[in-house]
Amino acid sequence: TKPGSLEIPSAGLHFTTDLLDRLRAKGVEVAAITLHIGLTELSQYR
């Protein structure tokens, strides 16, 4: 929801809205936090 990240958190790409709905239906609570990925994604820092 919030712009500002240099790179995308790759693990999140595996989720769809349907999958999140199914997890919630099973009682899994989903909490969203923000971290704007920065220079750690550039090879000289990673």
All heavy atoms as atom14 arrays in JSON, in Angstrom:
{
  "sequence": "TKPGSLEIPSAGLHFTTDLLDRLRAKGVEVAAITLHIGLTELSQYR",
  "atom14_mask": [
    [1, 1, 1, 1, 1, 1, 1, 0, 0, 0, 0, 0, 0, 0],
    [1, 1, 1, 1, 1, 1, 1, 1, 1, 0, 0, 0, 0, 0],
    [1, 1, 1, 1, 1, 1, 1, 0, 0, 0, 0, 0, 0, 0],
    [1, 1, 1, 1, 0, 0, 0, 0, 0, 0, 0, 0, 0, 0],
    [1, 1, 1, 1, 1, 1, 0, 0, 0, 0, 0, 0, 0, 0],
    [1, 1, 1, 1, 1, 1, 1, 1, 0, 0, 0, 0, 0, 0],
    [1, 1, 1, 1, 1, 1, 1, 1, 1, 0, 0, 0, 0, 0],
    [1, 1, 1, 1, 1, 1, 1, 1, 0, 0, 0, 0, 0, 0],
    [1, 1, 1, 1, 1, 1, 1, 0, 0, 0, 0, 0, 0, 0],
    [1, 1, 1, 1, 1, 1, 0, 0, 0, 0, 0, 0, 0, 0],
    [1, 1, 1, 1, 1, 0, 0, 0, 0, 0, 0, 0, 0, 0],
    [1, 1, 1, 1, 0, 0, 0, 0, 0, 0, 0, 0, 0, 0],
    [1, 1, 1, 1, 1, 1, 1, 1, 0, 0, 0, 0, 0, 0],
    [1, 1, 1, 1, 1, 1, 1, 1, 1, 1, 0, 0, 0, 0],
    [1, 1, 1, 1, 1, 1, 1, 1, 1, 1, 1, 0, 0, 0],
    [1, 1, 1, 1, 1, 1, 1, 0, 0, 0, 0, 0, 0, 0],
    [1, 1, 1, 1, 1, 1, 1, 0, 0, 0, 0, 0, 0, 0],
    [1, 1, 1, 1, 1, 1, 1, 1, 0, 0, 0, 0, 0, 0],
    [1, 1, 1, 1, 1, 1, 1, 1, 0, 0, 0, 0, 0, 0],
    [1, 1, 1, 1, 1, 1, 1, 1, 0, 0, 0, 0, 0, 0],
    [1, 1, 1, 1, 1, 1, 1, 1, 0, 0, 0, 0, 0, 0],
    [1, 1, 1, 1, 1, 1, 1, 1, 1, 1, 1, 0, 0, 0],
    [1, 1, 1, 1, 1, 1, 1, 1, 0, 0, 0, 0, 0, 0],
    [1, 1, 1, 1, 1, 1, 1, 1, 1, 1, 1, 0, 0, 0],
    [1, 1, 1, 1, 1, 0, 0, 0, 0, 0, 0, 0, 0, 0],
    [1, 1, 1, 1, 1, 1, 1, 1, 1, 0, 0, 0, 0, 0],
    [1, 1, 1, 1, 0, 0, 0, 0, 0, 0, 0, 0, 0, 0],
    [1, 1, 1, 1, 1, 1, 1, 0, 0, 0, 0, 0, 0, 0],
    [1, 1, 1, 1, 1, 1, 1, 1, 1, 0, 0, 0, 0, 0],
    [1, 1, 1, 1, 1, 1, 1, 0, 0, 0, 0, 0, 0, 0],
    [1, 1, 1, 1, 1, 0, 0, 0, 0, 0, 0, 0, 0, 0],
    [1, 1, 1, 1, 1, 0, 0, 0, 0, 0, 0, 0, 0, 0],
    [1, 1, 1, 1, 1, 1, 1, 1, 0, 0, 0, 0, 0, 0],
    [1, 1, 1, 1, 1, 1, 1, 0, 0, 0, 0, 0, 0, 0],
    [1, 1, 1, 1, 1, 1, 1, 1, 0, 0, 0, 0, 0, 0],
    [1, 1, 1, 1, 1, 1, 1, 1, 1, 1, 0, 0, 0, 0],
    [1, 1, 1, 1, 1, 1, 1, 1, 0, 0, 0, 0, 0, 0],
    [1, 1, 1, 1, 0, 0, 0, 0, 0, 0, 0, 0, 0, 0],
    [1, 1, 1, 1, 1, 1, 1, 1, 0, 0, 0, 0, 0, 0],
    [1, 1, 1, 1, 1, 1, 1, 0, 0, 0, 0, 0, 0, 0],
    [1, 1, 1, 1, 1, 1, 1, 1, 1, 0, 0, 0, 0, 0],
    [1, 1, 1, 1, 1, 1, 1, 1, 0, 0, 0, 0, 0, 0],
    [1, 1, 1, 1, 1, 1, 0, 0, 0, 0, 0, 0, 0, 0],
    [1, 1, 1, 1, 1, 1, 1, 1, 1, 0, 0, 0, 0, 0],
    [1, 1, 1, 1, 1, 1, 1, 1, 1, 1, 1, 1, 0, 0],
    [1, 1, 1, 1, 1, 1, 1, 1, 1, 1, 1, 0, 0, 0]
  ],
  "atom14_positions": [
    [[0.81, -1.23, 0.0], [0.0, 0.0, 0.0], [0.83, 1.27, 0.0], [0.37, 2.3, -0.48], [-0.93, 0.03, 1.23], [-0.14, -0.05, 2.42], [-1.93, -1.12, 1.2], [0.0, 0.0, 0.0], [0.0, 0.0, 0.0], [0.0, 0.0, 0.0], [0.0, 0.0, 0.0], [0.0, 0.0, 0.0], [0.0, 0.0, 0.0], [0.0, 0.0, 0.0]],
    [[2.07, 1.22, 0.53], [2.84, 2.44, 0.71], [4.06, 2.45, -0.21], [4.91, 1.57, -0.12], [3.28, 2.58, 2.16], [2.13, 2.68, 3.14], [2.62, 2.84, 4.56], [1.43, 2.96, 5.52], [1.9, 3.12, 6.92], [0.0, 0.0, 0.0], [0.0, 0.0, 0.0], [0.0, 0.0, 0.0], [0.0, 0.0, 0.0], [0.0, 0.0, 0.0]],
    [[4.19, 3.45, -1.09], [5.38, 3.54, -1.95], [6.6, 3.96, -1.16], [6.49, 4.62, -0.12], [4.98, 4.62, -2.97], [4.0, 5.48, -2.24], [3.24, 4.56, -1.33], [0.0, 0.0, 0.0], [0.0, 0.0, 0.0], [0.0, 0.0, 0.0], [0.0, 0.0, 0.0], [0.0, 0.0, 0.0], [0.0, 0.0, 0.0], [0.0, 0.0, 0.0]],
    [[7.78, 3.58, -1.65], [9.01, 4.0, -1.0], [10.1, 2.96, -0.99], [11.24, 3.25, -0.65], [0.0, 0.0, 0.0], [0.0, 0.0, 0.0], [0.0, 0.0, 0.0], [0.0, 0.0, 0.0], [0.0, 0.0, 0.0], [0.0, 0.0, 0.0], [0.0, 0.0, 0.0], [0.0, 0.0, 0.0], [0.0, 0.0, 0.0], [0.0, 0.0, 0.0]],
    [[9.78, 1.73, -1.38], [10.76, 0.65, -1.34], [11.56, 0.6, -2.63], [11.0, 0.73, -3.73], [10.05, -0.69, -1.13], [10.97, -1.73, -0.95], [0.0, 0.0, 0.0], [0.0, 0.0, 0.0], [0.0, 0.0, 0.0], [0.0, 0.0, 0.0], [0.0, 0.0, 0.0], [0.0, 0.0, 0.0], [0.0, 0.0, 0.0], [0.0, 0.0, 0.0]],
    [[12.88, 0.42, -2.51], [13.73, 0.29, -3.69], [13.49, -1.03, -4.4], [13.57, -1.13, -5.62], [15.21, 0.39, -3.29], [16.24, 0.19, -4.4], [16.14, 1.33, -5.42], [17.64, 0.11, -3.82], [0.0, 0.0, 0.0], [0.0, 0.0, 0.0], [0.0, 0.0, 0.0], [0.0, 0.0, 0.0], [0.0, 0.0, 0.0], [0.0, 0.0, 0.0]],
    [[13.16, -2.06, -3.64], [12.95, -3.39, -4.19], [11.71, -4.0, -3.57], [11.22, -3.52, -2.53], [14.19, -4.27, -3.89], [14.16, -5.64, -4.53], [14.11, -5.59, -6.03], [12.98, -5.5, -6.56], [15.16, -5.62, -6.68], [0.0, 0.0, 0.0], [0.0, 0.0, 0.0], [0.0, 0.0, 0.0], [0.0, 0.0, 0.0], [0.0, 0.0, 0.0]],
    [[11.16, -5.02, -4.18], [9.97, -5.68, -3.65], [10.38, -6.78, -2.69], [11.37, -7.49, -2.94], [9.12, -6.25, -4.81], [7.81, -6.83, -4.27], [9.89, -7.3, -5.59], [6.86, -7.24, -5.37], [0.0, 0.0, 0.0], [0.0, 0.0, 0.0], [0.0, 0.0, 0.0], [0.0, 0.0, 0.0], [0.0, 0.0, 0.0], [0.0, 0.0, 0.0]],
    [[9.68, -6.93, -1.56], [9.93, -8.09, -0.69], [9.49, -9.35, -1.42], [8.31, -9.62, -1.56], [9.06, -7.81, 0.53], [8.75, -6.35, 0.48], [8.7, -6.01, -0.98], [0.0, 0.0, 0.0], [0.0, 0.0, 0.0], [0.0, 0.0, 0.0], [0.0, 0.0, 0.0], [0.0, 0.0, 0.0], [0.0, 0.0, 0.0], [0.0, 0.0, 0.0]],
    [[10.42, -10.14, -1.9], [10.11, -11.21, -2.84], [9.19, -12.28, -2.27], [8.41, -12.89, -3.0], [11.41, -11.84, -3.35], [12.21, -12.27, -2.28], [0.0, 0.0, 0.0], [0.0, 0.0, 0.0], [0.0, 0.0, 0.0], [0.0, 0.0, 0.0], [0.0, 0.0, 0.0], [0.0, 0.0, 0.0], [0.0, 0.0, 0.0], [0.0, 0.0, 0.0]],
    [[9.28, -12.56, -0.98], [8.45, -13.62, -0.41], [6.96, -13.29, -0.54], [6.13, -14.19, -0.64], [8.81, -13.84, 1.06], [0.0, 0.0, 0.0], [0.0, 0.0, 0.0], [0.0, 0.0, 0.0], [0.0, 0.0, 0.0], [0.0, 0.0, 0.0], [0.0, 0.0, 0.0], [0.0, 0.0, 0.0], [0.0, 0.0, 0.0], [0.0, 0.0, 0.0]],
    [[6.63, -12.01, -0.56], [5.23, -11.62, -0.67], [4.61, -11.91, -2.01], [3.38, -11.94, -2.15], [0.0, 0.0, 0.0], [0.0, 0.0, 0.0], [0.0, 0.0, 0.0], [0.0, 0.0, 0.0], [0.0, 0.0, 0.0], [0.0, 0.0, 0.0], [0.0, 0.0, 0.0], [0.0, 0.0, 0.0], [0.0, 0.0, 0.0], [0.0, 0.0, 0.0]],
    [[5.43, -12.11, -3.04], [4.9, -12.39, -4.37], [4.18, -13.73, -4.45], [3.43, -13.97, -5.39], [6.04, -12.36, -5.4], [6.62, -10.99, -5.74], [7.83, -11.14, -6.65], [5.57, -10.11, -6.39], [0.0, 0.0, 0.0], [0.0, 0.0, 0.0], [0.0, 0.0, 0.0], [0.0, 0.0, 0.0], [0.0, 0.0, 0.0], [0.0, 0.0, 0.0]],
    [[4.4, -14.59, -3.49], [3.78, -15.91, -3.52], [2.34, -15.89, -3.02], [1.66, -16.91, -3.06], [4.61, -16.89, -2.68], [6.02, -17.06, -3.16], [6.34, -17.85, -4.24], [7.19, -16.5, -2.73], [7.65, -17.8, -4.44], [8.18, -16.99, -3.54], [0.0, 0.0, 0.0], [0.0, 0.0, 0.0], [0.0, 0.0, 0.0], [0.0, 0.0, 0.0]],
    [[1.88, -14.74, -2.54], [0.54, -14.65, -1.98], [-0.43, -14.01, -2.95], [-0.08, -13.08, -3.69], [0.56, -13.84, -0.67], [1.18, -14.59, 0.47], [2.56, -14.61, 0.62], [0.4, -15.27, 1.38], [3.14, -15.31, 1.67], [0.97, -15.97, 2.43], [2.35, -15.98, 2.57], [0.0, 0.0, 0.0], [0.0, 0.0, 0.0], [0.0, 0.0, 0.0]],
    [[-1.67, -14.5, -2.93], [-2.78, -13.9, -3.66], [-3.85, -13.5, -2.65], [-3.82, -13.95, -1.48], [-3.38, -14.89, -4.66], [-3.94, -16.01, -3.94], [-2.33, -15.39, -5.64], [0.0, 0.0, 0.0], [0.0, 0.0, 0.0], [0.0, 0.0, 0.0], [0.0, 0.0, 0.0], [0.0, 0.0, 0.0], [0.0, 0.0, 0.0], [0.0, 0.0, 0.0]],
    [[-4.78, -12.67, -3.07], [-5.86, -12.29, -2.15], [-6.68, -13.51, -1.75], [-7.13, -13.62, -0.6], [-6.76, -11.24, -2.81], [-7.2, -11.72, -4.09], [-6.03, -9.92, -3.0], [0.0, 0.0, 0.0], [0.0, 0.0, 0.0], [0.0, 0.0, 0.0], [0.0, 0.0, 0.0], [0.0, 0.0, 0.0], [0.0, 0.0, 0.0], [0.0, 0.0, 0.0]],
    [[-6.86, -14.45, -2.69], [-7.6, -15.67, -2.37], [-6.87, -16.49, -1.31], [-7.5, -17.02, -0.38], [-7.8, -16.5, -3.63], [-8.5, -17.82, -3.36], [-9.68, -17.79, -2.95], [-7.85, -18.88, -3.53], [0.0, 0.0, 0.0], [0.0, 0.0, 0.0], [0.0, 0.0, 0.0], [0.0, 0.0, 0.0], [0.0, 0.0, 0.0], [0.0, 0.0, 0.0]],
    [[-5.56, -16.61, -1.44], [-4.79, -17.37, -0.46], [-4.87, -16.73, 0.91], [-5.03, -17.42, 1.93], [-3.34, -17.49, -0.92], [-2.38, -18.23, 0.03], [-2.89, -19.63, 0.33], [-0.98, -18.27, -0.56], [0.0, 0.0, 0.0], [0.0, 0.0, 0.0], [0.0, 0.0, 0.0], [0.0, 0.0, 0.0], [0.0, 0.0, 0.0], [0.0, 0.0, 0.0]],
    [[-4.77, -15.42, 0.97], [-4.86, -14.72, 2.25], [-6.24, -14.92, 2.88], [-6.35, -15.11, 4.1], [-4.57, -13.23, 2.06], [-3.12, -12.87, 1.73], [-3.01, -11.39, 1.39], [-2.2, -13.22, 2.89], [0.0, 0.0, 0.0], [0.0, 0.0, 0.0], [0.0, 0.0, 0.0], [0.0, 0.0, 0.0], [0.0, 0.0, 0.0], [0.0, 0.0, 0.0]],
    [[-7.29, -14.89, 2.05], [-8.64, -15.12, 2.56], [-8.78, -16.53, 3.12], [-9.43, -16.75, 4.16], [-9.68, -14.9, 1.46], [-9.81, -13.44, 1.07], [-9.41, -12.58, 1.88], [-10.31, -13.16, -0.04], [0.0, 0.0, 0.0], [0.0, 0.0, 0.0], [0.0, 0.0, 0.0], [0.0, 0.0, 0.0], [0.0, 0.0, 0.0], [0.0, 0.0, 0.0]],
    [[-8.18, -17.49, 2.45], [-8.24, -18.88, 2.92], [-7.49, -19.05, 4.24], [-7.91, -19.81, 5.13], [-7.68, -19.81, 1.85], [-8.62, -19.98, 0.66], [-7.89, -20.48, -0.57], [-7.15, -21.72, -0.32], [-6.25, -22.21, -1.16], [-5.95, -21.55, -2.29], [-5.65, -23.35, -0.88], [0.0, 0.0, 0.0], [0.0, 0.0, 0.0], [0.0, 0.0, 0.0]],
    [[-6.37, -18.36, 4.38], [-5.63, -18.42, 5.64], [-6.44, -17.81, 6.78], [-6.49, -18.38, 7.89], [-4.3, -17.68, 5.49], [-3.24, -18.36, 4.62], [-2.05, -17.43, 4.39], [-2.77, -19.66, 5.25], [0.0, 0.0, 0.0], [0.0, 0.0, 0.0], [0.0, 0.0, 0.0], [0.0, 0.0, 0.0], [0.0, 0.0, 0.0], [0.0, 0.0, 0.0]],
    [[-7.07, -16.68, 6.51], [-7.9, -16.04, 7.55], [-9.06, -16.94, 7.93], [-9.44, -17.01, 9.12], [-8.4, -14.69, 7.04], [-7.31, -13.64, 6.86], [-7.92, -12.28, 6.54], [-6.91, -11.25, 6.36], [-6.48, -10.84, 5.18], [-6.96, -11.39, 4.05], [-5.55, -9.91, 5.07], [0.0, 0.0, 0.0], [0.0, 0.0, 0.0], [0.0, 0.0, 0.0]],
    [[-9.64, -17.61, 6.95], [-10.75, -18.52, 7.23], [-10.34, -19.67, 8.14], [-11.17, -20.24, 8.87], [-11.33, -19.06, 5.92], [0.0, 0.0, 0.0], [0.0, 0.0, 0.0], [0.0, 0.0, 0.0], [0.0, 0.0, 0.0], [0.0, 0.0, 0.0], [0.0, 0.0, 0.0], [0.0, 0.0, 0.0], [0.0, 0.0, 0.0], [0.0, 0.0, 0.0]],
    [[-9.07, -20.03, 8.12], [-8.56, -21.1, 8.96], [-8.12, -20.59, 10.33], [-7.57, -21.34, 11.14], [-7.39, -21.8, 8.27], [-7.8, -22.64, 7.06], [-6.58, -23.3, 6.43], [-6.99, -24.21, 5.29], [-7.77, -25.38, 5.77], [0.0, 0.0, 0.0], [0.0, 0.0, 0.0], [0.0, 0.0, 0.0], [0.0, 0.0, 0.0], [0.0, 0.0, 0.0]],
    [[-8.32, -19.29, 10.56], [-7.98, -18.72, 11.86], [-6.62, -18.06, 11.93], [-6.17, -17.66, 13.01], [0.0, 0.0, 0.0], [0.0, 0.0, 0.0], [0.0, 0.0, 0.0], [0.0, 0.0, 0.0], [0.0, 0.0, 0.0], [0.0, 0.0, 0.0], [0.0, 0.0, 0.0], [0.0, 0.0, 0.0], [0.0, 0.0, 0.0], [0.0, 0.0, 0.0]],
    [[-5.94, -17.94, 10.8], [-4.64, -17.27, 10.77], [-4.85, -15.76, 10.74], [-5.55, -15.25, 9.87], [-3.81, -17.71, 9.54], [-2.5, -16.94, 9.49], [-3.56, -19.21, 9.58], [0.0, 0.0, 0.0], [0.0, 0.0, 0.0], [0.0, 0.0, 0.0], [0.0, 0.0, 0.0], [0.0, 0.0, 0.0], [0.0, 0.0, 0.0], [0.0, 0.0, 0.0]],
    [[-4.28, -15.07, 11.68], [-4.4, -13.61, 11.73], [-3.26, -13.0, 10.92], [-2.09, -13.39, 11.08], [-4.36, -13.11, 13.17], [-4.69, -11.64, 13.3], [-4.87, -11.21, 14.74], [-4.66, -12.06, 15.64], [-5.23, -10.04, 14.98], [0.0, 0.0, 0.0], [0.0, 0.0, 0.0], [0.0, 0.0, 0.0], [0.0, 0.0, 0.0], [0.0, 0.0, 0.0]],
    [[-3.58, -12.04, 10.08], [-2.59, -11.4, 9.21], [-2.38, -9.96, 9.68], [-3.33, -9.19, 9.77], [-3.03, -11.41, 7.74], [-1.99, -10.72, 6.86], [-3.26, -12.85, 7.26], [0.0, 0.0, 0.0], [0.0, 0.0, 0.0], [0.0, 0.0, 0.0], [0.0, 0.0, 0.0], [0.0, 0.0, 0.0], [0.0, 0.0, 0.0], [0.0, 0.0, 0.0]],
    [[-1.15, -9.6, 9.97], [-0.8, -8.24, 10.39], [0.21, -7.67, 9.4], [1.18, -8.34, 9.05], [-0.22, -8.23, 11.8], [0.0, 0.0, 0.0], [0.0, 0.0, 0.0], [0.0, 0.0, 0.0], [0.0, 0.0, 0.0], [0.0, 0.0, 0.0], [0.0, 0.0, 0.0], [0.0, 0.0, 0.0], [0.0, 0.0, 0.0], [0.0, 0.0, 0.0]],
    [[-0.02, -6.46, 8.95], [0.85, -5.83, 7.95], [1.78, -4.82, 8.62], [1.35, -3.99, 9.43], [0.02, -5.13, 6.88], [0.0, 0.0, 0.0], [0.0, 0.0, 0.0], [0.0, 0.0, 0.0], [0.0, 0.0, 0.0], [0.0, 0.0, 0.0], [0.0, 0.0, 0.0], [0.0, 0.0, 0.0], [0.0, 0.0, 0.0], [0.0, 0.0, 0.0]],
    [[3.06, -4.9, 8.29], [4.04, -3.91, 8.72], [4.77, -3.39, 7.47], [4.6, -3.93, 6.38], [5.05, -4.49, 9.72], [5.87, -5.61, 9.04], [4.35, -5.0, 10.97], [6.98, -6.14, 9.93], [0.0, 0.0, 0.0], [0.0, 0.0, 0.0], [0.0, 0.0, 0.0], [0.0, 0.0, 0.0], [0.0, 0.0, 0.0], [0.0, 0.0, 0.0]],
    [[5.56, -2.36, 7.63], [6.25, -1.75, 6.5], [7.76, -1.74, 6.73], [8.22, -1.38, 7.82], [5.77, -0.3, 6.28], [4.38, -0.31, 5.95], [6.54, 0.37, 5.14], [0.0, 0.0, 0.0], [0.0, 0.0, 0.0], [0.0, 0.0, 0.0], [0.0, 0.0, 0.0], [0.0, 0.0, 0.0], [0.0, 0.0, 0.0], [0.0, 0.0, 0.0]],
    [[8.49, -2.15, 5.71], [9.93, -1.89, 5.67], [10.27, -1.56, 4.22], [10.03, -2.37, 3.33], [10.77, -3.07, 6.14], [12.27, -2.73, 6.19], [12.94, -3.28, 7.44], [12.99, -3.25, 4.96], [0.0, 0.0, 0.0], [0.0, 0.0, 0.0], [0.0, 0.0, 0.0], [0.0, 0.0, 0.0], [0.0, 0.0, 0.0], [0.0, 0.0, 0.0]],
    [[10.74, -0.35, 3.99], [11.12, 0.06, 2.63], [12.51, -0.5, 2.33], [13.51, 0.02, 2.83], [11.11, 1.58, 2.5], [9.72, 2.16, 2.53], [8.66, 1.56, 1.89], [9.23, 3.28, 3.11], [7.57, 2.3, 2.06], [7.89, 3.33, 2.81], [0.0, 0.0, 0.0], [0.0, 0.0, 0.0], [0.0, 0.0, 0.0], [0.0, 0.0, 0.0]],
    [[12.54, -1.54, 1.53], [13.82, -2.16, 1.18], [14.71, -1.15, 0.48], [14.3, -0.47, -0.45], [13.59, -3.38, 0.28], [12.77, -4.42, 1.04], [14.93, -3.98, -0.16], [12.45, -5.64, 0.22], [0.0, 0.0, 0.0], [0.0, 0.0, 0.0], [0.0, 0.0, 0.0], [0.0, 0.0, 0.0], [0.0, 0.0, 0.0], [0.0, 0.0, 0.0]],
    [[15.94, -1.05, 0.93], [16.86, -0.06, 0.38], [18.06, -0.69, -0.27], [17.94, -1.61, -1.09], [0.0, 0.0, 0.0], [0.0, 0.0, 0.0], [0.0, 0.0, 0.0], [0.0, 0.0, 0.0], [0.0, 0.0, 0.0], [0.0, 0.0, 0.0], [0.0, 0.0, 0.0], [0.0, 0.0, 0.0], [0.0, 0.0, 0.0], [0.0, 0.0, 0.0]],
    [[19.23, -0.26, 0.14], [20.46, -0.63, -0.54], [20.92, -2.04, -0.24], [21.86, -2.52, -0.86], [21.56, 0.36, -0.15], [21.25, 1.8, -0.54], [22.32, 2.72, 0.01], [21.14, 1.95, -2.04], [0.0, 0.0, 0.0], [0.0, 0.0, 0.0], [0.0, 0.0, 0.0], [0.0, 0.0, 0.0], [0.0, 0.0, 0.0], [0.0, 0.0, 0.0]],
    [[20.26, -2.73, 0.69], [20.65, -4.11, 0.97], [20.42, -5.0, -0.25], [20.97, -6.1, -0.33], [19.86, -4.69, 2.15], [18.45, -4.59, 1.88], [20.19, -3.96, 3.43], [0.0, 0.0, 0.0], [0.0, 0.0, 0.0], [0.0, 0.0, 0.0], [0.0, 0.0, 0.0], [0.0, 0.0, 0.0], [0.0, 0.0, 0.0], [0.0, 0.0, 0.0]],
    [[19.61, -4.54, -1.2], [19.35, -5.34, -2.4], [20.43, -5.15, -3.47], [20.48, -5.89, -4.44], [17.98, -5.02, -2.98], [16.83, -5.51, -2.14], [16.9, -7.0, -1.88], [17.13, -7.76, -2.84], [16.72, -7.42, -0.73], [0.0, 0.0, 0.0], [0.0, 0.0, 0.0], [0.0, 0.0, 0.0], [0.0, 0.0, 0.0], [0.0, 0.0, 0.0]],
    [[21.26, -4.13, -3.33], [22.35, -3.92, -4.28], [23.53, -4.8, -3.86], [23.86, -4.9, -2.68], [22.76, -2.45, -4.31], [21.63, -1.46, -4.65], [22.19, -0.06, -4.73], [20.95, -1.84, -5.95], [0.0, 0.0, 0.0], [0.0, 0.0, 0.0], [0.0, 0.0, 0.0], [0.0, 0.0, 0.0], [0.0, 0.0, 0.0], [0.0, 0.0, 0.0]],
    [[24.18, -5.4, -4.83], [25.16, -6.44, -4.52], [26.29, -5.96, -3.62], [26.79, -6.72, -2.8], [25.73, -7.01, -5.83], [26.39, -6.0, -6.57], [0.0, 0.0, 0.0], [0.0, 0.0, 0.0], [0.0, 0.0, 0.0], [0.0, 0.0, 0.0], [0.0, 0.0, 0.0], [0.0, 0.0, 0.0], [0.0, 0.0, 0.0], [0.0, 0.0, 0.0]],
    [[26.69, -4.69, -3.76], [27.83, -4.24, -2.97], [27.48, -4.14, -1.48], [28.36, -4.05, -0.64], [28.36, -2.89, -3.46], [27.38, -1.73, -3.32], [26.6, -1.48, -4.58], [26.15, -2.42, -5.23], [26.44, -0.23, -4.94], [0.0, 0.0, 0.0], [0.0, 0.0, 0.0], [0.0, 0.0, 0.0], [0.0, 0.0, 0.0], [0.0, 0.0, 0.0]],
    [[26.19, -4.16, -1.14], [25.77, -4.13, 0.26], [25.24, -5.47, 0.71], [25.3, -5.81, 1.88], [24.7, -3.04, 0.46], [25.2, -1.66, 0.14], [24.88, -1.05, -1.07], [25.99, -0.97, 1.05], [25.35, 0.22, -1.36], [26.47, 0.3, 0.76], [26.14, 0.89, -0.46], [26.61, 2.14, -0.75], [0.0, 0.0, 0.0], [0.0, 0.0, 0.0]],
    [[24.68, -6.25, -0.22], [24.09, -7.54, 0.13], [25.16, -8.62, 0.26], [25.12, -9.44, 1.17], [23.08, -7.94, -0.96], [22.4, -9.29, -0.73], [21.66, -9.69, -1.98], [22.59, -9.86, -3.1], [22.26, -9.68, -4.37], [21.06, -9.29, -4.7], [23.16, -9.85, -5.33], [0.0, 0.0, 0.0], [0.0, 0.0, 0.0], [0.0, 0.0, 0.0]]
  ]
}
